[in-house]
Amino acid sequence: MAEDQQHRNSTKSWESVDGKLPSDLKELLRAKIYSSSQIVYPDPMVAPWLQFPEYARSSMGWRMGGGEDYMFAFRTWFKALDRAAQGN
């Protein structure tokens, strides 16, 4: 019983107070967001439909999740190429 009480005391509940998140939760979320934005893609990048061949053209994978992230990075990478490189 004492062990159960100790576990409850050490477990974070992260309840909002006056509609605000606790600062330690905010910091944890910021760190997670930052680490997920540090994905390094290969250069040259593979066309999205080759990177995700299992995604159909109308798949939600292109609008949410890995396909969306990859498509955004590919678009940025492709626009940075000169016209000659885009044509190849």
C-alpha atoms as a PDB file:
ATOM      1  CA  MET A   1       0.000   0.000   0.000  1.00  0.00           C
ATOM      2  CA  ALA A   2       2.811   2.428   0.836  1.00  0.00           C
ATOM      3  CA  GLU A   3       4.445   1.481  -2.471  1.00  0.00           C
ATOM      4  CA  ASP A   4       1.256   2.340  -4.367  1.00  0.00           C
ATOM      5  CA  GLN A   5       1.077   5.742  -2.653  1.00  0.00           C
ATOM      6  CA  GLN A   6       4.746   6.404  -3.495  1.00  0.00           C
ATOM      7  CA  HIS A   7       4.074   5.544  -7.159  1.00  0.00           C
ATOM      8  CA  ARG A   8       1.116   7.943  -7.251  1.00  0.00           C
ATOM      9  CA  ASN A   9       3.235  10.712  -5.771  1.00  0.00           C
ATOM     10  CA  SER A  10       5.998  10.216  -8.348  1.00  0.00           C
ATOM     11  CA  THR A  11       3.648   9.987 -11.352  1.00  0.00           C
ATOM     12  CA  LYS A  12       2.955  13.227 -13.217  1.00  0.00           C
ATOM     13  CA  SER A  13      -0.694  14.058 -13.807  1.00  0.00           C
ATOM     14  CA  TRP A  14      -0.031  17.139 -15.960  1.00  0.00           C
ATOM     15  CA  GLU A  15      -3.381  18.712 -15.335  1.00  0.00           C
ATOM     16  CA  SER A  16      -3.981  22.127 -16.811  1.00  0.00           C
ATOM     17  CA  VAL A  17      -4.409  24.978 -14.357  1.00  0.00           C
ATOM     18  CA  ASP A  18      -6.548  27.879 -15.542  1.00  0.00           C
ATOM     19  CA  GLY A  19      -6.305  26.467 -19.064  1.00  0.00           C
ATOM     20  CA  LYS A  20      -2.475  26.473 -19.052  1.00  0.00           C
ATOM     21  CA  LEU A  21      -0.138  23.511 -19.356  1.00  0.00           C
ATOM     22  CA  PRO A  22       2.476  22.929 -16.669  1.00  0.00           C
ATOM     23  CA  SER A  23       5.904  24.271 -17.614  1.00  0.00           C
ATOM     24  CA  ASP A  24       7.605  20.850 -17.429  1.00  0.00           C
ATOM     25  CA  LEU A  25       5.064  19.438 -19.887  1.00  0.00           C
ATOM     26  CA  LYS A  26       5.568  22.402 -22.239  1.00  0.00           C
ATOM     27  CA  GLU A  27       9.323  21.812 -22.134  1.00  0.00           C
ATOM     28  CA  LEU A  28       8.881  18.104 -22.864  1.00  0.00           C
ATOM     29  CA  LEU A  29       6.615  18.868 -25.842  1.00  0.00           C
ATOM     30  CA  ARG A  30       9.029  21.474 -27.212  1.00  0.00           C
ATOM     31  CA  ALA A  31      11.874  18.959 -27.026  1.00  0.00           C
ATOM     32  CA  LYS A  32       9.798  16.311 -28.828  1.00  0.00           C
ATOM     33  CA  ILE A  33       8.805  18.749 -31.576  1.00  0.00           C
ATOM     34  CA  TYR A  34      12.395  19.926 -32.011  1.00  0.00           C
ATOM     35  CA  SER A  35      13.789  16.391 -32.200  1.00  0.00           C
ATOM     36  CA  SER A  36      11.165  15.333 -34.749  1.00  0.00           C
ATOM     37  CA  SER A  37      12.046  18.327 -36.954  1.00  0.00           C
ATOM     38  CA  GLN A  38      15.695  17.271 -37.118  1.00  0.00           C
ATOM     39  CA  ILE A  39      15.132  14.506 -39.680  1.00  0.00           C
ATOM     40  CA  VAL A  40      17.952  14.341 -42.219  1.00  0.00           C
ATOM     41  CA  TYR A  41      16.921  13.249 -45.701  1.00  0.00           C
ATOM     42  CA  PRO A  42      19.326  11.946 -48.354  1.00  0.00           C
ATOM     43  CA  ASP A  43      20.671  14.262 -51.033  1.00  0.00           C
ATOM     44  CA  PRO A  44      19.587  13.765 -53.749  1.00  0.00           C
ATOM     45  CA  MET A  45      16.145  12.952 -52.435  1.00  0.00           C
ATOM     46  CA  VAL A  46      14.100  10.123 -53.887  1.00  0.00           C
ATOM     47  CA  ALA A  47      10.781  11.079 -55.490  1.00  0.00           C
ATOM     48  CA  PRO A  48       7.977  10.784 -52.905  1.00  0.00           C
ATOM     49  CA  TRP A  49       6.078   8.099 -54.836  1.00  0.00           C
ATOM     50  CA  LEU A  50       9.275   5.991 -54.873  1.00  0.00           C
ATOM     51  CA  GLN A  51       9.959   6.640 -51.196  1.00  0.00           C
ATOM     52  CA  PHE A  52       6.419   5.568 -50.256  1.00  0.00           C
ATOM     53  CA  PRO A  53       5.307   3.131 -52.992  1.00  0.00           C
ATOM     54  CA  GLU A  54       2.640   1.694 -50.679  1.00  0.00           C
ATOM     55  CA  TYR A  55       0.746   5.021 -50.609  1.00  0.00           C
ATOM     56  CA  ALA A  56      -1.971   5.298 -53.240  1.00  0.00           C
ATOM     57  CA  ARG A  57      -2.315   8.681 -54.942  1.00  0.00           C
ATOM     58  CA  SER A  58      -5.316   9.585 -52.769  1.00  0.00           C
ATOM     59  CA  SER A  59      -3.912   8.083 -49.547  1.00  0.00           C
ATOM     60  CA  MET A  60      -4.176   9.971 -46.252  1.00  0.00           C
ATOM     61  CA  GLY A  61      -0.452   9.216 -45.912  1.00  0.00           C
ATOM     62  CA  TRP A  62       0.233  12.174 -48.224  1.00  0.00           C
ATOM     63  CA  ARG A  63      -1.803  14.527 -46.056  1.00  0.00           C
ATOM     64  CA  MET A  64      -0.822  13.279 -42.606  1.00  0.00           C
ATOM     65  CA  GLY A  65       2.260  11.661 -41.164  1.00  0.00           C
ATOM     66  CA  GLY A  66       5.409  10.540 -42.926  1.00  0.00           C
ATOM     67  CA  GLY A  67       4.251  11.170 -46.479  1.00  0.00           C
ATOM     68  CA  GLU A  68       3.268  14.750 -45.719  1.00  0.00           C
ATOM     69  CA  ASP A  69       6.566  15.477 -43.971  1.00  0.00           C
ATOM     70  CA  TYR A  70       8.571  13.906 -46.766  1.00  0.00           C
ATOM     71  CA  MET A  71       6.570  15.710 -49.472  1.00  0.00           C
ATOM     72  CA  PHE A  72       7.204  19.068 -47.768  1.00  0.00           C
ATOM     73  CA  ALA A  73      10.958  18.369 -47.517  1.00  0.00           C
ATOM     74  CA  PHE A  74      11.064  17.115 -51.124  1.00  0.00           C
ATOM     75  CA  ARG A  75       9.275  20.193 -52.420  1.00  0.00           C
ATOM     76  CA  THR A  76      11.719  22.483 -50.586  1.00  0.00           C
ATOM     77  CA  TRP A  77      14.714  20.503 -51.851  1.00  0.00           C
ATOM     78  CA  PHE A  78      13.402  20.375 -55.435  1.00  0.00           C
ATOM     79  CA  LYS A  79      12.673  24.120 -55.589  1.00  0.00           C
ATOM     80  CA  ALA A  80      16.255  24.832 -54.506  1.00  0.00           C
ATOM     81  CA  LEU A  81      17.623  22.972 -57.563  1.00  0.00           C
ATOM     82  CA  ASP A  82      18.453  24.890 -60.725  1.00  0.00           C
ATOM     83  CA  ARG A  83      16.210  24.336 -63.771  1.00  0.00           C
ATOM     84  CA  ALA A  84      18.654  21.945 -65.436  1.00  0.00           C
ATOM     85  CA  ALA A  85      18.787  19.705 -62.363  1.00  0.00           C
ATOM     86  CA  GLN A  86      14.993  19.777 -62.046  1.00  0.00           C
ATOM     87  CA  GLY A  87      14.668  18.467 -65.595  1.00  0.00           C
ATOM     88  CA  ASN A  88      16.750  15.349 -64.978  1.00  0.00           C
END
